[in-house]
C-alpha atoms as a PDB file:
ATOM      1  CA  MET A   1    -136.973 -59.210 106.299  1.00  0.00           C
ATOM      2  CA  LYS A   2    -134.439 -56.748 107.770  1.00  0.00           C
ATOM      3  CA  SER A   3    -131.942 -59.558 108.407  1.00  0.00           C
ATOM      4  CA  TRP A   4    -131.956 -60.550 104.709  1.00  0.00           C
ATOM      5  CA  PHE A   5    -131.376 -56.970 103.741  1.00  0.00           C
ATOM      6  CA  GLY A   6    -128.402 -56.772 106.118  1.00  0.00           C
ATOM      7  CA  ILE A   7    -126.952 -59.993 104.723  1.00  0.00           C
ATOM      8  CA  LEU A   8    -127.359 -58.683 101.181  1.00  0.00           C
ATOM      9  CA  ILE A   9    -125.573 -55.416 102.068  1.00  0.00           C
ATOM     10  CA  ALA A  10    -122.743 -57.309 103.805  1.00  0.00           C
ATOM     11  CA  ALA A  11    -122.320 -59.627 100.799  1.00  0.00           C
ATOM     12  CA  CYS A  12    -122.139 -56.688  98.395  1.00  0.00           C
ATOM     13  CA  LEU A  13    -119.527 -54.957 100.529  1.00  0.00           C
ATOM     14  CA  PHE A  14    -117.486 -58.152 100.809  1.00  0.00           C
ATOM     15  CA  LEU A  15    -117.611 -58.802  97.078  1.00  0.00           C
ATOM     16  CA  GLY A  16    -116.719 -55.182  96.353  1.00  0.00           C
ATOM     17  CA  MET A  17    -113.630 -55.428  98.561  1.00  0.00           C
ATOM     18  CA  GLY A  18    -112.477 -58.486  96.635  1.00  0.00           C
ATOM     19  CA  THR A  19    -112.122 -56.480  93.455  1.00  0.00           C
ATOM     20  CA  VAL A  20    -110.038 -53.862  95.229  1.00  0.00           C
ATOM     21  CA  TRP A  21    -107.718 -56.525  96.624  1.00  0.00           C
ATOM     22  CA  SER A  22    -107.186 -58.111  93.224  1.00  0.00           C
ATOM     23  CA  GLN A  23    -106.735 -54.835  91.339  1.00  0.00           C
ATOM     24  CA  GLU A  24    -103.491 -54.737  89.404  1.00  0.00           C
ATOM     25  CA  LYS A  25    -101.226 -51.758  89.924  1.00  0.00           C
ATOM     26  CA  LEU A  26    -100.867 -49.220  87.128  1.00  0.00           C
ATOM     27  CA  ASP A  27     -97.423 -48.945  85.581  1.00  0.00           C
ATOM     28  CA  LEU A  28     -96.517 -45.258  85.396  1.00  0.00           C
ATOM     29  CA  ASN A  29     -94.456 -45.923  82.262  1.00  0.00           C
ATOM     30  CA  THR A  30     -97.260 -47.554  80.264  1.00  0.00           C
ATOM     31  CA  ALA A  31    -100.623 -46.457  81.733  1.00  0.00           C
ATOM     32  CA  THR A  32    -102.990 -44.640  79.417  1.00  0.00           C
ATOM     33  CA  GLN A  33    -104.412 -41.183  80.112  1.00  0.00           C
ATOM     34  CA  GLN A  34    -107.728 -42.782  81.111  1.00  0.00           C
ATOM     35  CA  GLN A  35    -106.044 -45.284  83.454  1.00  0.00           C
ATOM     36  CA  LEU A  36    -104.050 -42.528  85.152  1.00  0.00           C
ATOM     37  CA  GLU A  37    -107.225 -40.468  85.589  1.00  0.00           C
ATOM     38  CA  SER A  38    -108.777 -43.411  87.456  1.00  0.00           C
ATOM     39  CA  LEU A  39    -106.280 -42.866  90.288  1.00  0.00           C
ATOM     40  CA  PRO A  40    -107.527 -40.856  93.295  1.00  0.00           C
ATOM     41  CA  GLY A  41    -106.797 -37.157  92.878  1.00  0.00           C
ATOM     42  CA  ILE A  42    -105.413 -37.526  89.341  1.00  0.00           C
ATOM     43  CA  GLY A  43    -107.421 -35.622  86.765  1.00  0.00           C
ATOM     44  CA  PRO A  44    -106.768 -34.870  83.100  1.00  0.00           C
ATOM     45  CA  THR A  45    -104.094 -32.233  83.801  1.00  0.00           C
ATOM     46  CA  LEU A  46    -101.996 -34.390  86.136  1.00  0.00           C
ATOM     47  CA  ALA A  47    -102.404 -37.443  83.904  1.00  0.00           C
ATOM     48  CA  THR A  48    -101.083 -35.398  80.976  1.00  0.00           C
ATOM     49  CA  ARG A  49     -98.139 -34.181  83.066  1.00  0.00           C
ATOM     50  CA  ILE A  50     -97.275 -37.769  84.070  1.00  0.00           C
ATOM     51  CA  ILE A  51     -97.289 -38.833  80.415  1.00  0.00           C
ATOM     52  CA  GLU A  52     -95.184 -35.828  79.365  1.00  0.00           C
ATOM     53  CA  TYR A  53     -92.693 -36.561  82.158  1.00  0.00           C
ATOM     54  CA  ARG A  54     -92.247 -40.190  81.163  1.00  0.00           C
ATOM     55  CA  GLU A  55     -91.807 -39.264  77.486  1.00  0.00           C
ATOM     56  CA  GLU A  56     -88.764 -37.206  78.516  1.00  0.00           C
ATOM     57  CA  LYS A  57     -87.441 -39.761  80.996  1.00  0.00           C
ATOM     58  CA  PRO A  58     -89.125 -43.049  82.024  1.00  0.00           C
ATOM     59  CA  PHE A  59     -89.902 -43.447  85.707  1.00  0.00           C
ATOM     60  CA  THR A  60     -87.418 -45.571  87.626  1.00  0.00           C
ATOM     61  CA  SER A  61     -89.350 -45.628  90.929  1.00  0.00           C
ATOM     62  CA  ILE A  62     -92.863 -44.814  92.094  1.00  0.00           C
ATOM     63  CA  GLU A  63     -91.486 -42.076  94.350  1.00  0.00           C
ATOM     64  CA  GLU A  64     -90.258 -40.234  91.256  1.00  0.00           C
ATOM     65  CA  VAL A  65     -93.852 -39.342  90.362  1.00  0.00           C
ATOM     66  CA  GLN A  66     -93.548 -36.650  93.045  1.00  0.00           C
ATOM     67  CA  GLU A  67     -91.280 -34.760  90.615  1.00  0.00           C
ATOM     68  CA  VAL A  68     -94.347 -34.165  88.416  1.00  0.00           C
ATOM     69  CA  LYS A  69     -95.708 -30.662  89.103  1.00  0.00           C
ATOM     70  CA  GLY A  70     -98.846 -30.951  91.230  1.00  0.00           C
ATOM     71  CA  ILE A  71     -98.022 -34.297  92.828  1.00  0.00           C
ATOM     72  CA  GLY A  72     -96.733 -33.829  96.325  1.00  0.00           C
ATOM     73  CA  GLU A  73     -96.452 -36.073  99.340  1.00  0.00           C
ATOM     74  CA  VAL A  74    -100.193 -36.085 100.114  1.00  0.00           C
ATOM     75  CA  LYS A  75    -101.255 -37.075  96.598  1.00  0.00           C
ATOM     76  CA  PHE A  76     -98.399 -39.602  96.391  1.00  0.00           C
ATOM     77  CA  ASN A  77     -99.606 -41.247  99.606  1.00  0.00           C
ATOM     78  CA  GLN A  78    -103.084 -41.556  98.061  1.00  0.00           C
ATOM     79  CA  ILE A  79    -101.800 -43.426  94.985  1.00  0.00           C
ATOM     80  CA  LYS A  80     -98.592 -45.193  96.077  1.00  0.00           C
ATOM     81  CA  ASP A  81    -100.319 -48.541  96.688  1.00  0.00           C
ATOM     82  CA  LEU A  82    -102.007 -48.378  93.270  1.00  0.00           C
ATOM     83  CA  ILE A  83     -98.954 -47.707  91.086  1.00  0.00           C
ATOM     84  CA  THR A  84     -95.808 -49.519  90.017  1.00  0.00           C
ATOM     85  CA  VAL A  85     -92.867 -48.952  87.691  1.00  0.00           C
ATOM     86  CA  GLN A  86     -91.462 -51.600  85.413  1.00  0.00           C
ATOM     87  CA  PRO A  87     -88.120 -50.762  83.852  1.00  0.00           C
ATOM     88  CA  PRO A  88     -88.427 -50.002  80.135  1.00  0.00           C
ATOM     89  CA  LEU A  89     -86.944 -52.504  77.717  1.00  0.00           C
ATOM     90  CA  SER A  90     -83.592 -51.276  76.514  1.00  0.00           C
ATOM     91  CA  GLU A  91     -82.825 -51.300  72.825  1.00  0.00           C
ATOM     92  CA  GLY A  92     -80.417 -54.046  71.940  1.00  0.00           C
ATOM     93  CA  TRP A  93     -81.485 -56.376  74.712  1.00  0.00           C
ATOM     94  CA  ALA A  94     -83.723 -59.347  74.108  1.00  0.00           C
ATOM     95  CA  THR A  95     -86.706 -60.174  76.240  1.00  0.00           C
ATOM     96  CA  GLU A  96     -87.147 -63.708  77.520  1.00  0.00           C
ATOM     97  CA  GLY A  97     -87.506 -66.169  74.654  1.00  0.00           C
ATOM     98  CA  GLU A  98     -86.140 -63.809  71.984  1.00  0.00           C
ATOM     99  CA  GLU A  99     -82.821 -63.812  70.211  1.00  0.00           C
ATOM    100  CA  ALA A 100     -80.387 -61.083  71.154  1.00  0.00           C
ATOM    101  CA  VAL A 101     -80.544 -58.091  68.847  1.00  0.00           C
ATOM    102  CA  SER A 102     -77.684 -55.649  68.625  1.00  0.00           C
ATOM    103  CA  LYS A 103     -78.230 -51.920  68.567  1.00  0.00           C
ATOM    104  CA  PRO A 104     -77.913 -50.328  65.135  1.00  0.00           C
ATOM    105  CA  GLU A 105     -74.730 -48.266  64.816  1.00  0.00           C
END
Protein backbone atom coordinates (compact mmCIF):
# COMPACT_ATOMS: atom_id res chain seq x y z
CA MET A 1 0.00 0.00 0.00
CA LYS A 2 2.85 2.42 0.83
CA SER A 3 4.42 1.89 -2.61
CA TRP A 4 1.20 3.00 -4.37
CA PHE A 5 1.08 6.07 -2.21
CA GLY A 6 4.68 6.90 -3.14
CA ILE A 7 3.95 6.42 -6.83
CA LEU A 8 0.90 8.67 -6.55
CA ILE A 9 2.94 11.41 -4.83
CA ALA A 10 5.71 11.14 -7.45
CA ALA A 11 3.17 11.36 -10.30
CA CYS A 12 1.56 14.46 -8.80
CA LEU A 13 4.93 16.15 -8.40
CA PHE A 14 5.92 15.26 -11.96
CA LEU A 15 2.65 16.54 -13.40
CA GLY A 16 2.90 19.71 -11.33
CA MET A 17 6.38 20.42 -12.71
CA GLY A 18 5.05 20.11 -16.25
CA THR A 19 2.79 23.09 -15.78
CA VAL A 20 5.66 25.19 -14.49
CA TRP A 21 7.79 24.28 -17.50
CA SER A 22 5.06 25.21 -19.95
CA GLN A 23 4.06 28.45 -18.21
CA GLU A 24 4.18 31.42 -20.54
CA LYS A 25 6.14 34.45 -19.42
CA LEU A 26 4.26 37.59 -18.44
CA ASP A 27 4.83 40.61 -20.64
CA LEU A 28 5.54 43.59 -18.38
CA ASN A 29 3.95 45.91 -20.94
CA THR A 30 0.60 44.10 -21.11
CA ALA A 31 0.15 42.03 -17.92
CA THR A 32 -2.86 42.81 -15.78
CA GLN A 33 -2.68 43.78 -12.11
CA GLN A 34 -3.78 40.26 -11.15
CA GLN A 35 -1.18 38.62 -13.41
CA LEU A 36 1.60 40.78 -11.99
CA GLU A 37 0.49 39.92 -8.45
CA SER A 38 0.92 36.23 -9.30
CA LEU A 39 4.68 36.77 -9.56
CA PRO A 40 6.75 35.85 -6.47
CA GLY A 41 7.18 38.83 -4.17
CA ILE A 42 4.92 41.12 -6.21
CA GLY A 43 1.88 42.30 -4.29
CA PRO A 44 -0.76 44.91 -5.09
CA THR A 45 1.53 47.89 -4.41
CA LEU A 46 4.38 46.72 -6.65
CA ALA A 47 1.97 45.59 -9.37
CA THR A 48 0.44 49.08 -9.36
CA ARG A 49 3.89 50.67 -9.56
CA ILE A 50 4.82 48.47 -12.54
CA ILE A 51 1.63 49.51 -14.35
CA GLU A 52 2.19 53.20 -13.54
CA TYR A 53 5.79 52.96 -14.79
CA ARG A 54 4.81 51.41 -18.11
CA GLU A 55 2.06 54.00 -18.65
CA GLU A 56 4.76 56.69 -18.55
CA LYS A 57 7.28 54.72 -20.60
CA PRO A 58 6.90 51.12 -21.88
CA PHE A 59 9.53 48.66 -20.73
CA THR A 60 12.24 47.94 -23.28
CA SER A 61 13.97 45.16 -21.31
CA ILE A 62 13.16 42.96 -18.33
CA GLU A 63 16.08 44.47 -16.41
CA GLU A 64 14.33 47.85 -16.55
CA VAL A 65 11.76 46.62 -14.02
CA GLN A 66 14.45 47.24 -11.40
CA GLU A 67 13.82 50.97 -11.92
CA VAL A 68 10.40 50.50 -10.29
CA LYS A 69 10.62 51.54 -6.62
CA GLY A 70 10.70 48.43 -4.45
CA ILE A 71 12.13 46.07 -7.06
CA GLY A 72 15.80 45.51 -6.50
CA GLU A 73 18.24 42.84 -7.56
CA VAL A 74 16.89 40.17 -5.20
CA LYS A 75 13.27 40.55 -6.30
CA PHE A 76 14.36 40.81 -9.95
CA ASN A 77 16.24 37.51 -9.64
CA GLN A 78 13.05 35.90 -8.29
CA ILE A 79 10.96 36.96 -11.30
CA LYS A 80 13.40 37.31 -14.22
CA ASP A 81 12.64 33.85 -15.63
CA LEU A 82 8.89 34.52 -15.46
CA ILE A 83 8.76 37.86 -17.30
CA THR A 84 9.35 39.16 -20.81
CA VAL A 85 9.03 42.42 -22.71
CA GLN A 86 7.59 42.69 -26.18
CA PRO A 87 8.15 46.02 -27.89
CA PRO A 88 4.95 48.06 -28.14
CA LEU A 89 3.45 48.53 -31.58
CA SER A 90 4.36 51.94 -32.90
CA GLU A 91 1.68 54.14 -34.37
CA GLY A 92 1.93 54.31 -38.11
CA TRP A 93 3.44 50.87 -38.53
CA ALA A 94 1.42 47.90 -39.69
CA THR A 95 1.53 44.54 -38.02
CA GLU A 96 2.00 41.43 -40.13
CA GLY A 97 -0.86 41.01 -42.59
CA GLU A 98 -2.12 44.60 -42.29
CA GLU A 99 -1.83 47.48 -44.70
CA ALA A 100 0.55 50.26 -43.76
CA VAL A 101 -1.16 53.14 -41.99
CA SER A 102 0.44 56.54 -41.83
CA LYS A 103 0.49 58.59 -38.66
CA PRO A 104 -2.05 61.40 -38.56
CA GLU A 105 -0.40 64.82 -38.90
